[in-house]
Protein backbone atom coordinates (compact mmCIF):
# COMPACT_ATOMS: atom_id res chain seq x y z
CA MET A 1 -48.41 114.20 -15.79
CA GLY A 2 -50.05 117.87 -14.56
CA ALA A 3 -51.02 120.81 -16.00
CA ASP A 4 -47.84 122.85 -14.33
CA THR A 5 -45.15 120.15 -15.89
CA GLU A 6 -47.24 119.59 -19.54
CA ARG A 7 -47.36 123.15 -20.64
CA PRO A 8 -43.48 124.35 -20.51
CA SER A 9 -42.94 121.03 -22.34
CA ARG A 10 -45.17 121.76 -25.16
CA VAL A 11 -44.19 124.36 -25.09
CA VAL A 12 -39.98 124.17 -25.66
CA ARG A 13 -41.21 120.77 -28.04
CA ALA A 14 -43.25 123.59 -30.73
CA TYR A 15 -40.03 126.21 -30.04
CA LEU A 16 -37.72 123.40 -31.28
CA ASP A 17 -40.37 122.28 -33.85
CA ASP A 18 -39.64 125.91 -35.01
CA VAL A 19 -35.86 125.88 -34.81
CA GLU A 20 -36.40 122.23 -36.88
CA ALA A 21 -38.17 125.11 -39.67
CA GLU A 22 -36.18 127.25 -39.10
CA LEU A 23 -33.05 125.51 -39.92
CA ALA A 24 -35.09 123.90 -43.39
CA ALA A 25 -35.94 127.49 -44.42
CA PHE A 26 -32.03 128.25 -44.13
CA ASP A 27 -31.14 124.65 -46.69
CA ALA A 28 -33.58 126.16 -48.82
CA LEU A 29 -32.33 130.20 -48.90
CA LEU A 30 -28.42 128.61 -49.09
CA ALA A 31 -29.18 126.41 -51.98
CA ALA A 32 -30.51 128.88 -53.45
CA HIS A 33 -27.12 131.19 -52.38
CA SER A 34 -29.35 133.92 -51.13
CA ARG A 35 -27.90 136.04 -48.44
CA PHE A 36 -31.38 136.10 -46.63
CA ALA A 37 -30.56 132.64 -44.97
CA ALA A 38 -28.26 133.45 -42.25
CA PHE A 39 -31.19 135.22 -41.11
CA HIS A 40 -32.74 131.78 -40.76
CA LEU A 41 -29.61 130.58 -38.78
CA GLU A 42 -30.19 133.54 -36.37
CA GLN A 43 -33.53 132.46 -36.00
CA ALA A 44 -32.85 128.91 -35.49
CA ALA A 45 -29.92 129.88 -32.83
CA GLU A 46 -32.18 132.01 -30.82
CA LYS A 47 -35.53 130.17 -30.94
CA LEU A 48 -33.57 127.07 -29.19
CA ILE A 49 -32.20 129.77 -26.43
CA ARG A 50 -35.60 130.08 -26.18
CA ALA A 51 -36.64 126.66 -25.55
CA VAL A 52 -33.65 126.10 -22.82
CA ARG A 53 -34.97 129.55 -20.88
CA ILE A 54 -38.66 128.33 -21.06
CA ASP A 55 -37.12 124.84 -19.37
CA ARG A 56 -35.07 126.15 -17.38
CA ARG A 57 -38.92 128.44 -16.48
CA LEU A 58 -36.98 131.82 -16.78
CA VAL A 59 -38.55 134.63 -18.79
CA VAL A 60 -38.10 134.82 -22.60
CA THR A 61 -38.01 138.33 -24.18
CA ASN A 62 -38.48 139.71 -27.74
CA THR A 63 -34.29 140.66 -27.57
CA HIS A 64 -32.79 139.47 -30.60
CA ASP A 65 -29.46 139.58 -28.94
CA ILE A 66 -28.35 136.17 -28.03
CA ILE A 67 -25.76 137.35 -25.85
CA LEU A 68 -28.38 138.93 -23.38
CA LEU A 69 -30.38 135.10 -23.49
CA ILE A 70 -27.57 133.98 -21.99
CA ASP A 71 -25.84 136.03 -19.56
CA GLY A 72 -28.37 138.64 -18.98
CA HIS A 73 -28.27 142.14 -18.48
CA PRO A 74 -24.37 142.92 -16.62
CA GLY A 75 -24.73 144.82 -13.63
CA ASP A 76 -28.35 143.96 -12.73
CA PRO A 77 -29.13 140.67 -12.07
CA SER A 78 -33.07 141.56 -11.45
CA ARG A 79 -33.42 142.83 -15.30
CA GLU A 80 -35.28 140.09 -17.52
CA PRO A 81 -34.24 138.37 -19.38
CA ARG A 82 -32.42 137.04 -15.76
CA PRO A 83 -28.72 135.16 -17.42
CA LEU A 84 -29.11 130.94 -17.37
CA PRO A 85 -27.94 129.70 -14.28
CA ALA A 86 -24.18 129.28 -13.29
CA GLY A 87 -22.58 126.64 -14.56
CA ASP A 88 -25.59 125.35 -16.77
CA PRO A 89 -24.16 123.38 -20.20
CA TRP A 90 -26.37 125.77 -22.46
CA ARG A 91 -24.67 128.60 -21.97
CA ALA A 92 -21.23 127.09 -23.35
CA ARG A 93 -23.62 125.35 -26.68
CA MET A 94 -25.33 128.46 -26.67
CA MET A 95 -22.22 130.66 -27.10
CA GLU A 96 -21.30 128.97 -30.01
CA HIS A 97 -24.01 130.77 -31.66
CA GLU A 98 -23.52 134.57 -30.36
CA TRP A 99 -21.89 135.99 -33.45
CA LEU A 100 -25.56 135.17 -34.86
CA SER A 101 -26.95 138.08 -33.48
CA LYS A 102 -26.38 140.41 -35.75
CA PHE A 103 -28.53 138.47 -38.77
CA ALA A 104 -31.42 139.31 -37.33
CA THR A 105 -31.31 142.97 -38.74
CA SER A 106 -28.21 143.18 -40.58
CA TYR A 107 -27.44 141.58 -44.13
CA ARG A 108 -31.44 142.55 -44.87
CA TYR A 109 -31.46 145.56 -45.10
CA PRO A 110 -28.90 147.96 -46.99
CA THR A 111 -26.42 150.19 -45.42
CA SER A 112 -26.96 153.67 -45.54
CA SER A 113 -24.88 154.48 -48.68
CA GLY A 114 -27.15 151.70 -50.32
CA ARG A 115 -24.57 149.17 -50.02
CA ARG A 116 -24.77 145.26 -49.00
CA ASP A 117 -22.36 143.53 -46.98
CA GLN A 118 -21.72 140.17 -47.90
CA GLY A 119 -21.57 138.45 -44.77
CA PRO A 120 -20.25 135.58 -44.09
CA THR A 121 -18.95 132.55 -46.38
CA ASP A 122 -21.64 129.42 -47.05
CA ASP A 123 -18.79 127.73 -45.74
CA GLU A 124 -19.25 128.94 -42.16
CA LEU A 125 -23.24 129.09 -42.78
CA ALA A 126 -22.75 125.65 -43.09
CA SER A 127 -20.49 124.44 -39.75
CA ALA A 128 -22.62 127.13 -37.89
CA ARG A 129 -25.60 124.96 -39.69
CA ARG A 130 -24.47 121.61 -38.88
CA LYS A 131 -23.53 122.97 -34.75
CA LEU A 132 -27.07 124.32 -34.17
CA ALA A 133 -28.76 120.73 -35.62
CA GLU A 134 -26.30 119.04 -32.81
CA HIS A 135 -27.85 121.08 -30.25
CA LEU A 136 -30.94 120.47 -31.42
CA ASP A 137 -30.75 116.94 -31.55
CA LEU A 138 -29.08 117.70 -28.11
CA ALA A 139 -32.17 119.80 -26.72
CA ARG A 140 -34.77 117.19 -28.07
CA ARG A 141 -32.67 115.07 -25.63
CA GLU A 142 -32.03 116.52 -22.96
CA LEU A 143 -35.10 118.89 -22.86
CA LEU A 144 -38.04 116.07 -23.97
CA GLY A 145 -37.20 113.23 -23.09
CA GLY A 146 -36.78 112.06 -26.26
């Protein structure tokens, strides 16, 4: 396998390994009933879509907005990040996780009045975690052939 095809595969594998690590961090924080657990679910989803984008040879930007990483900039398809291709099965899969984007920053910081938002229930988080784990397994099979 040439260097041109090997490098994206190595980077994709590294991102997918990081998704697994984020899920482990989530598990530990959920067990401790920490509101910071949701952040690690968001990070897992973000890293998963980044792995898909790299596999598709699309630019990966620094945005934490999962919908932007899926759909790109509405009205300006030439601006990065560009959307995943129409018909790509990962578009629908990742849309299931777009609600996690708000946890990249929300729930980690107090509001301007000093209040802390409660965030999703443990059941909602556990359900999202299961779906992310399913998508991680699918990504390993589809993107890495393993």
